[in-house]
Amino acid sequence: MAEEKTPADAKADEAAAAAAAAEAAAAAEAMRPIIRKIIVEDGHAGAHGGAWKIALADMMTAMMAFFLLMWLLGASNEDKRKSVADYFRPASHSQIVFGEMAGSNGLFGGKSIIDTDGFPFTAKQTAMLERLTPQAQGGPAESFGSSKEENNKDGPSDQDPGNQGAGTPSQKQDKENFEKLEKDIKQKLSESKQFDNIKDQVSITREKDGLRIEVIDKADFAMYASGTSNMGGKAAALMSEVAKSIKPLPNKLAIRGHTDSLGFAPDSMRNNWTLSTERADATRQFMQSQGINANRFSRIEGVADTNPKVPDNPADPRNRRVSITVLNQ
């Protein structure tokens, strides 16, 4: 028969149960994470943004440039400052100071509007490659450069050395030599049967630099094998006759190679620039082997397909050619 618990025992059990519950609650409270909530008040973010830093950096850069300019001006003498000012002054008659214009300070306070002494700029340079030749004081400045070249691109003018009938002895000699050379080459091509099919591929043109002789390819005739600088048999025979005609002359020579627009494979290390240059140099080597002195060659160049003979069809075979220019003395 089970013993009955006394009231004292019951109270002890209840106390033990309460203590165990309290310990469990304390352990659970200890394992609970601590969460903190931070509240940021609005109203001051706009005044403390980063835009002021950019403005300050710009101001400091401007101040540094200003003080550097002041230091340079202080460390330079009057001549250097004038040179700098002249460098930045536009070379144009439109920048004339009104106090120095024609008609302001001559006799009775004025000058003629067509008086060149009233203009502070007596010459101006309008192109990068233009050259100004200074003249004696009071005389005009003579200009040579791009403007003259543009006027003469279609052929020699009356002022070109090669087109003057009554020029220097060397000019007269060049004219006679070029006429004789052209006649000699055409006669050799017409008299030889081996040149019957290719004599029309030789073009002789008188230009401002001298006499240009071009050997032009066509569909059934190529001076060099495709993609190489190996001269063919007919081309070698043709160039041999040209070299024999040029050899007695004292003039220097310029050789230029041309190609069509057909290119090499994308992974190839060669291109039309190298090919045209190789063909020009191969022509030089061949002419030198025919007895022409090496010091007579003045210029060897390749221009690829940048100057086609048939602009409407860059791939036309006639764009492949070699130009030999017998230069003026």
C-alpha atoms as a PDB file:
ATOM      1  CA  MET A   1       0.000   0.000   0.000  1.00  0.00           C
ATOM      2  CA  ALA A   2       1.546   3.316  -1.057  1.00  0.00           C
ATOM      3  CA  GLU A   3       2.416   5.873   1.463  1.00  0.00           C
ATOM      4  CA  GLU A   4       0.418   8.994   1.466  1.00  0.00           C
ATOM      5  CA  LYS A   5       2.398  12.234   1.136  1.00  0.00           C
ATOM      6  CA  THR A   6       2.154  14.581   3.985  1.00  0.00           C
ATOM      7  CA  PRO A   7       1.472  18.261   3.390  1.00  0.00           C
ATOM      8  CA  ALA A   8       5.112  19.033   4.074  1.00  0.00           C
ATOM      9  CA  ASP A   9       6.264  16.631   1.376  1.00  0.00           C
ATOM     10  CA  ALA A  10       3.838  18.117  -1.132  1.00  0.00           C
ATOM     11  CA  LYS A  11       5.128  21.599  -0.491  1.00  0.00           C
ATOM     12  CA  ALA A  12       8.706  20.393  -0.940  1.00  0.00           C
ATOM     13  CA  ASP A  13       7.842  18.865  -4.293  1.00  0.00           C
ATOM     14  CA  GLU A  14       6.152  22.045  -5.470  1.00  0.00           C
ATOM     15  CA  ALA A  15       9.169  24.102  -4.422  1.00  0.00           C
ATOM     16  CA  ALA A  16      11.513  21.783  -6.315  1.00  0.00           C
ATOM     17  CA  ALA A  17       9.344  21.986  -9.438  1.00  0.00           C
ATOM     18  CA  ALA A  18       9.254  25.790  -9.232  1.00  0.00           C
ATOM     19  CA  ALA A  19      13.040  25.924  -8.850  1.00  0.00           C
ATOM     20  CA  ALA A  20      13.500  23.669 -11.912  1.00  0.00           C
ATOM     21  CA  ALA A  21      11.148  25.857 -13.967  1.00  0.00           C
ATOM     22  CA  ALA A  22      13.036  28.976 -12.891  1.00  0.00           C
ATOM     23  CA  GLU A  23      16.351  27.433 -13.910  1.00  0.00           C
ATOM     24  CA  ALA A  24      14.940  26.437 -17.301  1.00  0.00           C
ATOM     25  CA  ALA A  25      13.596  29.947 -17.867  1.00  0.00           C
ATOM     26  CA  ALA A  26      16.960  31.475 -16.896  1.00  0.00           C
ATOM     27  CA  ALA A  27      18.795  29.155 -19.304  1.00  0.00           C
ATOM     28  CA  ALA A  28      16.419  30.044 -22.138  1.00  0.00           C
ATOM     29  CA  GLU A  29      16.841  33.756 -21.409  1.00  0.00           C
ATOM     30  CA  ALA A  30      20.618  33.375 -21.506  1.00  0.00           C
ATOM     31  CA  MET A  31      20.495  31.729 -24.973  1.00  0.00           C
ATOM     32  CA  ARG A  32      18.198  34.403 -26.436  1.00  0.00           C
ATOM     33  CA  PRO A  33      20.054  36.786 -28.946  1.00  0.00           C
ATOM     34  CA  ILE A  34      20.392  40.453 -28.179  1.00  0.00           C
ATOM     35  CA  ILE A  35      18.833  42.706 -30.870  1.00  0.00           C
ATOM     36  CA  ARG A  36      19.692  46.395 -30.936  1.00  0.00           C
ATOM     37  CA  LYS A  37      17.731  48.891 -33.005  1.00  0.00           C
ATOM     38  CA  ILE A  38      19.569  52.072 -34.045  1.00  0.00           C
ATOM     39  CA  ILE A  39      17.440  54.952 -35.270  1.00  0.00           C
ATOM     40  CA  VAL A  40      19.136  57.635 -37.397  1.00  0.00           C
ATOM     41  CA  GLU A  41      17.422  60.947 -37.400  1.00  0.00           C
ATOM     42  CA  ASP A  42      16.947  62.715 -40.769  1.00  0.00           C
ATOM     43  CA  GLY A  43      17.614  66.355 -41.517  1.00  0.00           C
ATOM     44  CA  HIS A  44      21.457  66.683 -41.711  1.00  0.00           C
ATOM     45  CA  ALA A  45      22.487  64.307 -44.556  1.00  0.00           C
ATOM     46  CA  GLY A  46      22.121  66.965 -47.275  1.00  0.00           C
ATOM     47  CA  ALA A  47      24.559  69.383 -45.670  1.00  0.00           C
ATOM     48  CA  HIS A  48      27.219  66.682 -45.228  1.00  0.00           C
ATOM     49  CA  GLY A  49      27.201  65.129 -48.758  1.00  0.00           C
ATOM     50  CA  GLY A  50      30.296  64.628 -51.002  1.00  0.00           C
ATOM     51  CA  ALA A  51      29.624  67.363 -53.587  1.00  0.00           C
ATOM     52  CA  TRP A  52      31.708  69.905 -51.686  1.00  0.00           C
ATOM     53  CA  LYS A  53      34.793  67.743 -52.161  1.00  0.00           C
ATOM     54  CA  ILE A  54      34.531  68.039 -55.972  1.00  0.00           C
ATOM     55  CA  ALA A  55      34.077  71.792 -55.769  1.00  0.00           C
ATOM     56  CA  LEU A  56      37.082  72.078 -53.445  1.00  0.00           C
ATOM     57  CA  ALA A  57      39.224  69.959 -55.767  1.00  0.00           C
ATOM     58  CA  ASP A  58      38.291  72.144 -58.757  1.00  0.00           C
ATOM     59  CA  MET A  59      39.100  75.299 -56.828  1.00  0.00           C
ATOM     60  CA  MET A  60      42.463  73.950 -55.650  1.00  0.00           C
ATOM     61  CA  THR A  61      43.366  72.895 -59.205  1.00  0.00           C
ATOM     62  CA  ALA A  62      42.475  76.344 -60.545  1.00  0.00           C
ATOM     63  CA  MET A  63      44.472  78.038 -57.806  1.00  0.00           C
ATOM     64  CA  MET A  64      47.486  75.830 -58.461  1.00  0.00           C
ATOM     65  CA  ALA A  65      47.363  76.627 -62.187  1.00  0.00           C
ATOM     66  CA  PHE A  66      47.011  80.330 -61.432  1.00  0.00           C
ATOM     67  CA  PHE A  67      49.972  80.448 -59.042  1.00  0.00           C
ATOM     68  CA  LEU A  68      52.039  78.362 -61.482  1.00  0.00           C
ATOM     69  CA  LEU A  69      51.260  80.902 -64.220  1.00  0.00           C
ATOM     70  CA  MET A  70      52.219  83.767 -61.930  1.00  0.00           C
ATOM     71  CA  TRP A  71      55.481  82.043 -61.056  1.00  0.00           C
ATOM     72  CA  LEU A  72      56.334  81.449 -64.718  1.00  0.00           C
ATOM     73  CA  LEU A  73      55.587  85.055 -65.616  1.00  0.00           C
ATOM     74  CA  GLY A  74      57.751  86.256 -62.753  1.00  0.00           C
ATOM     75  CA  ALA A  75      60.631  83.957 -63.684  1.00  0.00           C
ATOM     76  CA  SER A  76      60.574  84.927 -67.396  1.00  0.00           C
ATOM     77  CA  ASN A  77      62.113  88.010 -68.917  1.00  0.00           C
ATOM     78  CA  GLU A  78      60.427  90.381 -71.330  1.00  0.00           C
ATOM     79  CA  ASP A  79      61.755  88.654 -74.457  1.00  0.00           C
ATOM     80  CA  LYS A  80      60.452  85.254 -73.413  1.00  0.00           C
ATOM     81  CA  ARG A  81      57.030  86.637 -72.550  1.00  0.00           C
ATOM     82  CA  LYS A  82      56.870  88.351 -75.949  1.00  0.00           C
ATOM     83  CA  SER A  83      57.834  85.091 -77.672  1.00  0.00           C
ATOM     84  CA  VAL A  84      55.055  83.240 -75.869  1.00  0.00           C
ATOM     85  CA  ALA A  85      52.539  85.943 -76.784  1.00  0.00           C
ATOM     86  CA  ASP A  86      53.616  85.858 -80.444  1.00  0.00           C
ATOM     87  CA  TYR A  87      53.310  82.064 -80.478  1.00  0.00           C
ATOM     88  CA  PHE A  88      49.641  82.203 -79.472  1.00  0.00           C
ATOM     89  CA  ARG A  89      48.821  85.115 -81.779  1.00  0.00           C
ATOM     90  CA  PRO A  90      46.855  83.930 -84.846  1.00  0.00           C
ATOM     91  CA  ALA A  91      48.805  84.427 -88.090  1.00  0.00           C
ATOM     92  CA  SER A  92      45.965  86.147 -89.879  1.00  0.00           C
ATOM     93  CA  HIS A  93      45.324  89.612 -91.214  1.00  0.00           C
ATOM     94  CA  SER A  94      41.999  89.525 -89.401  1.00  0.00           C
ATOM     95  CA  GLN A  95      43.797  90.029 -86.065  1.00  0.00           C
ATOM     96  CA  ILE A  96      45.006  93.548 -86.891  1.00  0.00           C
ATOM     97  CA  VAL A  97      44.891  96.085 -84.068  1.00  0.00           C
ATOM     98  CA  PHE A  98      42.531  98.855 -85.019  1.00  0.00           C
ATOM     99  CA  GLY A  99      45.005 101.530 -83.960  1.00  0.00           C
ATOM    100  CA  GLU A 100      47.505 100.225 -86.538  1.00  0.00           C
ATOM    101  CA  MET A 101      45.166  99.703 -89.455  1.00  0.00           C
ATOM    102  CA  ALA A 102      45.770 101.374 -92.778  1.00  0.00           C
ATOM    103  CA  GLY A 103      44.292 104.850 -92.796  1.00  0.00           C
ATOM    104  CA  SER A 104      44.952 105.696 -89.136  1.00  0.00           C
ATOM    105  CA  ASN A 105      48.413 107.128 -88.629  1.00  0.00           C
ATOM    106  CA  GLY A 106      49.877 108.412 -91.880  1.00  0.00           C
ATOM    107  CA  LEU A 107      50.065 111.947 -93.206  1.00  0.00           C
ATOM    108  CA  PHE A 108      47.435 113.999 -91.387  1.00  0.00           C
ATOM    109  CA  GLY A 109      46.709 110.946 -89.246  1.00  0.00           C
ATOM    110  CA  GLY A 110      46.013 108.426 -91.980  1.00  0.00           C
ATOM    111  CA  LYS A 111      47.356 106.119 -94.693  1.00  0.00           C
ATOM    112  CA  SER A 112      45.983 104.721 -97.877  1.00  0.00           C
ATOM    113  CA  ILE A 113      43.858 101.636 -97.378  1.00  0.00           C
ATOM    114  CA  ILE A 114      45.902  99.809-100.014  1.00  0.00           C
ATOM    115  CA  ASP A 115      49.239 100.689 -98.381  1.00  0.00           C
ATOM    116  CA  THR A 116      50.833  97.392 -97.272  1.00  0.00           C
ATOM    117  CA  ASP A 117      52.876  99.214 -94.617  1.00  0.00           C
ATOM    118  CA  GLY A 118      49.680  99.698 -92.663  1.00  0.00           C
ATOM    119  CA  PHE A 119      49.395  95.976 -91.968  1.00  0.00           C
ATOM    120  CA  PRO A 120      51.509  94.520 -89.157  1.00  0.00           C
ATOM    121  CA  PHE A 121      51.591  91.058 -90.770  1.00  0.00           C
ATOM    122  CA  THR A 122      53.395  90.948 -94.103  1.00  0.00           C
ATOM    123  CA  ALA A 123      53.137  87.194 -94.594  1.00  0.00           C
ATOM    124  CA  LYS A 124      51.139  84.345 -93.198  1.00  0.00           C
ATOM    125  CA  GLN A 125      51.410  80.571 -93.216  1.00  0.00           C
ATOM    126  CA  THR A 126      48.181  78.780 -94.082  1.00  0.00           C
ATOM    127  CA  ALA A 127      49.427  75.214 -94.434  1.00  0.00           C
ATOM    128  CA  MET A 128      51.659  72.888 -92.431  1.00  0.00           C
ATOM    129  CA  LEU A 129      54.031  72.258 -95.330  1.00  0.00           C
ATOM    130  CA  GLU A 130      54.079  75.816 -96.617  1.00  0.00           C
ATOM    131  CA  ARG A 131      57.450  77.565 -96.611  1.00  0.00           C
ATOM    132  CA  LEU A 132      57.801  81.330 -96.433  1.00  0.00           C
ATOM    133  CA  THR A 133      60.888  82.834 -98.055  1.00  0.00           C
ATOM    134  CA  PRO A 134      61.818  86.158 -96.429  1.00  0.00           C
ATOM    135  CA  GLN A 135      62.574  88.988 -98.814  1.00  0.00           C
ATOM    136  CA  ALA A 136      64.349  92.281 -98.397  1.00  0.00           C
ATOM    137  CA  GLN A 137      62.716  94.823 -96.126  1.00  0.00           C
ATOM    138  CA  GLY A 138      59.750  96.415 -97.819  1.00  0.00           C
ATOM    139  CA  GLY A 139      59.358  93.627-100.363  1.00  0.00           C
ATOM    140  CA  PRO A 140      56.684  90.917-100.458  1.00  0.00           C
ATOM    141  CA  ALA A 141      57.223  87.465 -98.970  1.00  0.00           C
ATOM    142  CA  GLU A 142      57.276  84.686-101.529  1.00  0.00           C
ATOM    143  CA  SER A 143      55.369  81.552-100.583  1.00  0.00           C
ATOM    144  CA  PHE A 144      56.087  78.030-101.752  1.00  0.00           C
ATOM    145  CA  GLY A 145      54.079  75.015-100.646  1.00  0.00           C
ATOM    146  CA  SER A 146      50.796  73.260-100.823  1.00  0.00           C
ATOM    147  CA  SER A 147      48.963  75.958-102.796  1.00  0.00           C
ATOM    148  CA  LYS A 148      51.416  75.713-105.680  1.00  0.00           C
ATOM    149  CA  GLU A 149      51.395  71.938-105.583  1.00  0.00           C
ATOM    150  CA  GLU A 150      47.604  71.888-105.723  1.00  0.00           C
ATOM    151  CA  ASN A 151      47.633  74.182-108.748  1.00  0.00           C
ATOM    152  CA  ASN A 152      50.153  71.930-110.509  1.00  0.00           C
ATOM    153  CA  LYS A 153      48.655  68.538-109.689  1.00  0.00           C
ATOM    154  CA  ASP A 154      47.097  68.285-113.135  1.00  0.00           C
ATOM    155  CA  GLY A 155      50.393  68.985-114.889  1.00  0.00           C
ATOM    156  CA  PRO A 156      53.330  71.386-115.021  1.00  0.00           C
ATOM    157  CA  SER A 157      52.590  75.088-115.162  1.00  0.00           C
ATOM    158  CA  ASP A 158      54.338  77.769-117.130  1.00  0.00           C
ATOM    159  CA  GLN A 159      56.526  78.465-114.108  1.00  0.00           C
ATOM    160  CA  ASP A 160      57.665  74.905-113.557  1.00  0.00           C
ATOM    161  CA  PRO A 161      61.347  74.284-114.378  1.00  0.00           C
ATOM    162  CA  GLY A 162      60.522  71.392-116.665  1.00  0.00           C
ATOM    163  CA  ASN A 163      58.094  73.447-118.724  1.00  0.00           C
ATOM    164  CA  GLN A 164      60.196  76.513-119.389  1.00  0.00           C
ATOM    165  CA  GLY A 165      61.410  76.809-122.903  1.00  0.00           C
ATOM    166  CA  ALA A 166      64.042  79.428-122.068  1.00  0.00           C
ATOM    167  CA  GLY A 167      65.326  78.195-118.707  1.00  0.00           C
ATOM    168  CA  THR A 168      68.725  77.278-117.380  1.00  0.00           C
ATOM    169  CA  PRO A 169      71.082  75.078-119.422  1.00  0.00           C
ATOM    170  CA  SER A 170      70.210  72.064-117.245  1.00  0.00           C
ATOM    171  CA  GLN A 171      66.499  72.596-117.900  1.00  0.00           C
ATOM    172  CA  LYS A 172      67.067  72.793-121.624  1.00  0.00           C
ATOM    173  CA  GLN A 173      69.253  69.707-121.447  1.00  0.00           C
ATOM    174  CA  ASP A 174      66.567  67.817-119.500  1.00  0.00           C
ATOM    175  CA  LYS A 175      63.958  68.694-122.064  1.00  0.00           C
ATOM    176  CA  GLU A 176      66.135  67.457-124.911  1.00  0.00           C
ATOM    177  CA  ASN A 177      67.135  64.299-123.016  1.00  0.00           C
ATOM    178  CA  PHE A 178      63.542  63.446-122.115  1.00  0.00           C
ATOM    179  CA  GLU A 179      62.363  63.882-125.682  1.00  0.00           C
ATOM    180  CA  LYS A 180      65.182  61.662-126.923  1.00  0.00           C
ATOM    181  CA  LEU A 181      64.523  59.069-124.178  1.00  0.00           C
ATOM    182  CA  GLU A 182      60.816  58.864-124.945  1.00  0.00           C
ATOM    183  CA  LYS A 183      61.473  58.515-128.662  1.00  0.00           C
ATOM    184  CA  ASP A 184      64.144  55.864-128.074  1.00  0.00           C
ATOM    185  CA  ILE A 185      61.937  53.697-125.818  1.00  0.00           C
ATOM    186  CA  LYS A 186      58.950  53.872-128.155  1.00  0.00           C
ATOM    187  CA  GLN A 187      61.136  52.995-131.140  1.00  0.00           C
ATOM    188  CA  LYS A 188      62.623  49.944-129.387  1.00  0.00           C
ATOM    189  CA  LEU A 189      59.170  48.690-128.378  1.00  0.00           C
ATOM    190  CA  SER A 190      57.743  49.120-131.849  1.00  0.00           C
ATOM    191  CA  GLU A 191      60.673  47.483-133.671  1.00  0.00           C
ATOM    192  CA  SER A 192      60.910  44.345-131.490  1.00  0.00           C
ATOM    193  CA  LYS A 193      58.409  41.568-132.172  1.00  0.00           C
ATOM    194  CA  GLN A 194      58.630  40.188-128.630  1.00  0.00           C
ATOM    195  CA  PHE A 195      57.015  43.402-127.372  1.00  0.00           C
ATOM    196  CA  ASP A 196      54.077  43.395-129.785  1.00  0.00           C
ATOM    197  CA  ASN A 197      51.610  42.293-127.100  1.00  0.00           C
ATOM    198  CA  ILE A 198      52.945  44.427-124.261  1.00  0.00           C
ATOM    199  CA  LYS A 199      54.201  47.636-125.869  1.00  0.00           C
ATOM    200  CA  ASP A 200      50.871  49.284-125.066  1.00  0.00           C
ATOM    201  CA  GLN A 201      51.490  48.550-121.368  1.00  0.00           C
ATOM    202  CA  VAL A 202      54.309  51.103-121.232  1.00  0.00           C
ATOM    203  CA  SER A 203      53.141  54.643-120.445  1.00  0.00           C
ATOM    204  CA  ILE A 204      55.473  57.653-120.715  1.00  0.00           C
ATOM    205  CA  THR A 205      54.301  60.907-119.131  1.00  0.00           C
ATOM    206  CA  ARG A 206      56.003  64.273-118.690  1.00  0.00           C
ATOM    207  CA  GLU A 207      55.323  65.689-115.209  1.00  0.00           C
ATOM    208  CA  LYS A 208      56.744  68.419-113.003  1.00  0.00           C
ATOM    209  CA  ASP A 209      59.274  66.085-111.304  1.00  0.00           C
ATOM    210  CA  GLY A 210      60.607  64.676-114.558  1.00  0.00           C
ATOM    211  CA  LEU A 211      59.741  61.953-117.058  1.00  0.00           C
ATOM    212  CA  ARG A 212      57.652  59.085-115.645  1.00  0.00           C
ATOM    213  CA  ILE A 213      57.823  55.658-117.278  1.00  0.00           C
ATOM    214  CA  GLU A 214      55.175  53.195-116.093  1.00  0.00           C
ATOM    215  CA  VAL A 215      54.972  49.480-116.827  1.00  0.00           C
ATOM    216  CA  ILE A 216      51.333  48.508-116.336  1.00  0.00           C
ATOM    217  CA  ASP A 217      49.915  45.007-115.856  1.00  0.00           C
ATOM    218  CA  LYS A 218      46.897  43.689-117.701  1.00  0.00           C
ATOM    219  CA  ALA A 219      44.769  40.557-117.610  1.00  0.00           C
ATOM    220  CA  ASP A 220      47.238  38.436-119.644  1.00  0.00           C
ATOM    221  CA  PHE A 221      50.464  40.176-118.650  1.00  0.00           C
ATOM    222  CA  ALA A 222      51.944  40.608-115.179  1.00  0.00           C
ATOM    223  CA  MET A 223      55.321  42.175-114.524  1.00  0.00           C
ATOM    224  CA  TYR A 224      55.658  40.136-111.323  1.00  0.00           C
ATOM    225  CA  ALA A 225      54.229  36.781-110.283  1.00  0.00           C
ATOM    226  CA  SER A 226      51.093  37.065-108.155  1.00  0.00           C
ATOM    227  CA  GLY A 227      51.891  38.024-104.577  1.00  0.00           C
ATOM    228  CA  THR A 228      55.678  38.006-105.154  1.00  0.00           C
ATOM    229  CA  SER A 229      58.497  40.247-106.367  1.00  0.00           C
ATOM    230  CA  ASN A 230      59.767  37.712-108.932  1.00  0.00           C
ATOM    231  CA  MET A 231      60.022  39.453-112.311  1.00  0.00           C
ATOM    232  CA  GLY A 232      58.728  37.542-115.315  1.00  0.00           C
ATOM    233  CA  GLY A 233      60.700  36.871-118.504  1.00  0.00           C
ATOM    234  CA  LYS A 234      58.897  39.372-120.752  1.00  0.00           C
ATOM    235  CA  ALA A 235      58.989  42.006-118.046  1.00  0.00           C
ATOM    236  CA  ALA A 236      62.736  41.484-117.580  1.00  0.00           C
ATOM    237  CA  ALA A 237      63.345  41.917-121.309  1.00  0.00           C
ATOM    238  CA  LEU A 238      61.210  45.060-121.301  1.00  0.00           C
ATOM    239  CA  MET A 239      62.962  46.528-118.264  1.00  0.00           C
ATOM    240  CA  SER A 240      66.320  45.749-119.826  1.00  0.00           C
ATOM    241  CA  GLU A 241      65.515  47.937-122.838  1.00  0.00           C
ATOM    242  CA  VAL A 242      64.254  50.725-120.549  1.00  0.00           C
ATOM    243  CA  ALA A 243      67.433  50.526-118.460  1.00  0.00           C
ATOM    244  CA  LYS A 244      69.625  50.715-121.580  1.00  0.00           C
ATOM    245  CA  SER A 245      67.852  53.899-122.663  1.00  0.00           C
ATOM    246  CA  ILE A 246      68.090  55.498-119.199  1.00  0.00           C
ATOM    247  CA  LYS A 247      71.704  54.502-118.502  1.00  0.00           C
ATOM    248  CA  PRO A 248      73.465  57.272-120.532  1.00  0.00           C
ATOM    249  CA  LEU A 249      71.528  60.060-118.762  1.00  0.00           C
ATOM    250  CA  PRO A 250      72.956  61.793-115.658  1.00  0.00           C
ATOM    251  CA  ASN A 251      69.559  62.249-113.988  1.00  0.00           C
ATOM    252  CA  LYS A 252      68.646  60.558-110.745  1.00  0.00           C
ATOM    253  CA  LEU A 253      65.794  58.021-110.597  1.00  0.00           C
ATOM    254  CA  ALA A 254      62.769  57.452-108.365  1.00  0.00           C
ATOM    255  CA  ILE A 255      60.931  54.114-108.387  1.00  0.00           C
ATOM    256  CA  ARG A 256      57.433  53.551-106.980  1.00  0.00           C
ATOM    257  CA  GLY A 257      55.508  50.290-106.706  1.00  0.00           C
ATOM    258  CA  HIS A 258      51.708  50.005-106.958  1.00  0.00           C
ATOM    259  CA  THR A 259      49.323  47.090-106.292  1.00  0.00           C
ATOM    260  CA  ASP A 260      45.632  46.423-106.719  1.00  0.00           C
ATOM    261  CA  SER A 261      43.207  46.118-103.791  1.00  0.00           C
ATOM    262  CA  LEU A 262      43.377  42.323-103.592  1.00  0.00           C
ATOM    263  CA  GLY A 263      44.976  41.515-100.268  1.00  0.00           C
ATOM    264  CA  PHE A 264      46.644  38.605 -98.500  1.00  0.00           C
ATOM    265  CA  ALA A 265      45.123  36.139 -96.060  1.00  0.00           C
ATOM    266  CA  PRO A 266      44.209  37.646 -92.654  1.00  0.00           C
ATOM    267  CA  ASP A 267      46.806  35.513 -90.861  1.00  0.00           C
ATOM    268  CA  SER A 268      49.594  36.455 -93.319  1.00  0.00           C
ATOM    269  CA  MET A 269      52.505  38.604 -92.156  1.00  0.00           C
ATOM    270  CA  ARG A 270      52.636  40.357 -95.549  1.00  0.00           C
ATOM    271  CA  ASN A 271      50.380  42.979 -97.099  1.00  0.00           C
ATOM    272  CA  ASN A 272      50.171  45.228-100.156  1.00  0.00           C
ATOM    273  CA  TRP A 273      52.467  47.798 -98.569  1.00  0.00           C
ATOM    274  CA  THR A 274      55.314  45.348 -98.234  1.00  0.00           C
ATOM    275  CA  LEU A 275      54.574  43.848-101.654  1.00  0.00           C
ATOM    276  CA  SER A 276      54.649  47.201-103.461  1.00  0.00           C
ATOM    277  CA  THR A 277      57.886  48.159-101.702  1.00  0.00           C
ATOM    278  CA  GLU A 278      59.484  44.809-102.524  1.00  0.00           C
ATOM    279  CA  ARG A 279      58.567  45.175-106.195  1.00  0.00           C
ATOM    280  CA  ALA A 280      59.970  48.708-106.339  1.00  0.00           C
ATOM    281  CA  ASP A 281      63.224  47.532-104.788  1.00  0.00           C
ATOM    282  CA  ALA A 282      63.333  44.487-107.083  1.00  0.00           C
ATOM    283  CA  THR A 283      63.069  46.881-110.046  1.00  0.00           C
ATOM    284  CA  ARG A 284      65.957  48.898-108.626  1.00  0.00           C
ATOM    285  CA  GLN A 285      68.086  45.783-108.234  1.00  0.00           C
ATOM    286  CA  PHE A 286      67.360  44.695-111.798  1.00  0.00           C
ATOM    287  CA  MET A 287      68.188  48.119-113.258  1.00  0.00           C
ATOM    288  CA  GLN A 288      71.363  48.230-111.195  1.00  0.00           C
ATOM    289  CA  SER A 289      72.322  44.836-112.606  1.00  0.00           C
ATOM    290  CA  GLN A 290      71.909  46.357-116.076  1.00  0.00           C
ATOM    291  CA  GLY A 291      74.714  48.842-115.394  1.00  0.00           C
ATOM    292  CA  ILE A 292      72.912  51.796-113.773  1.00  0.00           C
ATOM    293  CA  ASN A 293      75.006  53.201-110.915  1.00  0.00           C
ATOM    294  CA  ALA A 294      73.587  52.724-107.408  1.00  0.00           C
ATOM    295  CA  ASN A 295      74.014  56.388-106.462  1.00  0.00           C
ATOM    296  CA  ARG A 296      71.554  57.434-109.164  1.00  0.00           C
ATOM    297  CA  PHE A 297      68.585  56.047-107.230  1.00  0.00           C
ATOM    298  CA  SER A 298      67.058  58.863-105.219  1.00  0.00           C
ATOM    299  CA  ARG A 299      63.811  57.363-103.919  1.00  0.00           C
ATOM    300  CA  ILE A 300      62.389  53.826-103.642  1.00  0.00           C
ATOM    301  CA  GLU A 301      58.857  53.574-102.287  1.00  0.00           C
ATOM    302  CA  GLY A 302      55.717  51.443-102.264  1.00  0.00           C
ATOM    303  CA  VAL A 303      52.244  52.946-102.018  1.00  0.00           C
ATOM    304  CA  ALA A 304      50.149  49.731-102.092  1.00  0.00           C
ATOM    305  CA  ASP A 305      46.688  50.435-103.597  1.00  0.00           C
ATOM    306  CA  THR A 306      46.395  54.055-102.418  1.00  0.00           C
ATOM    307  CA  ASN A 307      46.899  55.552-105.907  1.00  0.00           C
ATOM    308  CA  PRO A 308      44.957  53.347-108.359  1.00  0.00           C
ATOM    309  CA  LYS A 309      45.144  53.947-112.083  1.00  0.00           C
ATOM    310  CA  VAL A 310      41.509  52.827-112.375  1.00  0.00           C
ATOM    311  CA  PRO A 311      39.795  54.379-109.329  1.00  0.00           C
ATOM    312  CA  ASP A 312      36.375  52.963-110.215  1.00  0.00           C
ATOM    313  CA  ASN A 313      37.702  49.387-109.952  1.00  0.00           C
ATOM    314  CA  PRO A 314      40.437  49.042-107.297  1.00  0.00           C
ATOM    315  CA  ALA A 315      40.846  45.337-108.174  1.00  0.00           C
ATOM    316  CA  ASP A 316      41.582  46.066-111.850  1.00  0.00           C
ATOM    317  CA  PRO A 317      44.902  44.480-112.980  1.00  0.00           C
ATOM    318  CA  ARG A 318      45.979  47.824-114.470  1.00  0.00           C
ATOM    319  CA  ASN A 319      46.350  49.175-110.946  1.00  0.00           C
ATOM    320  CA  ARG A 320      49.384  46.881-110.589  1.00  0.00           C
ATOM    321  CA  ARG A 321      52.309  48.837-112.033  1.00  0.00           C
ATOM    322  CA  VAL A 322      55.821  50.121-111.423  1.00  0.00           C
ATOM    323  CA  SER A 323      56.680  53.779-112.045  1.00  0.00           C
ATOM    324  CA  ILE A 324      60.217  54.870-112.912  1.00  0.00           C
ATOM    325  CA  THR A 325      60.639  58.647-112.839  1.00  0.00           C
ATOM    326  CA  VAL A 326      63.717  60.193-114.435  1.00  0.00           C
ATOM    327  CA  LEU A 327      64.018  63.266-112.214  1.00  0.00           C
ATOM    328  CA  ASN A 328      64.906  66.764-113.328  1.00  0.00           C
ATOM    329  CA  GLN A 329      68.507  67.777-112.766  1.00  0.00           C
END
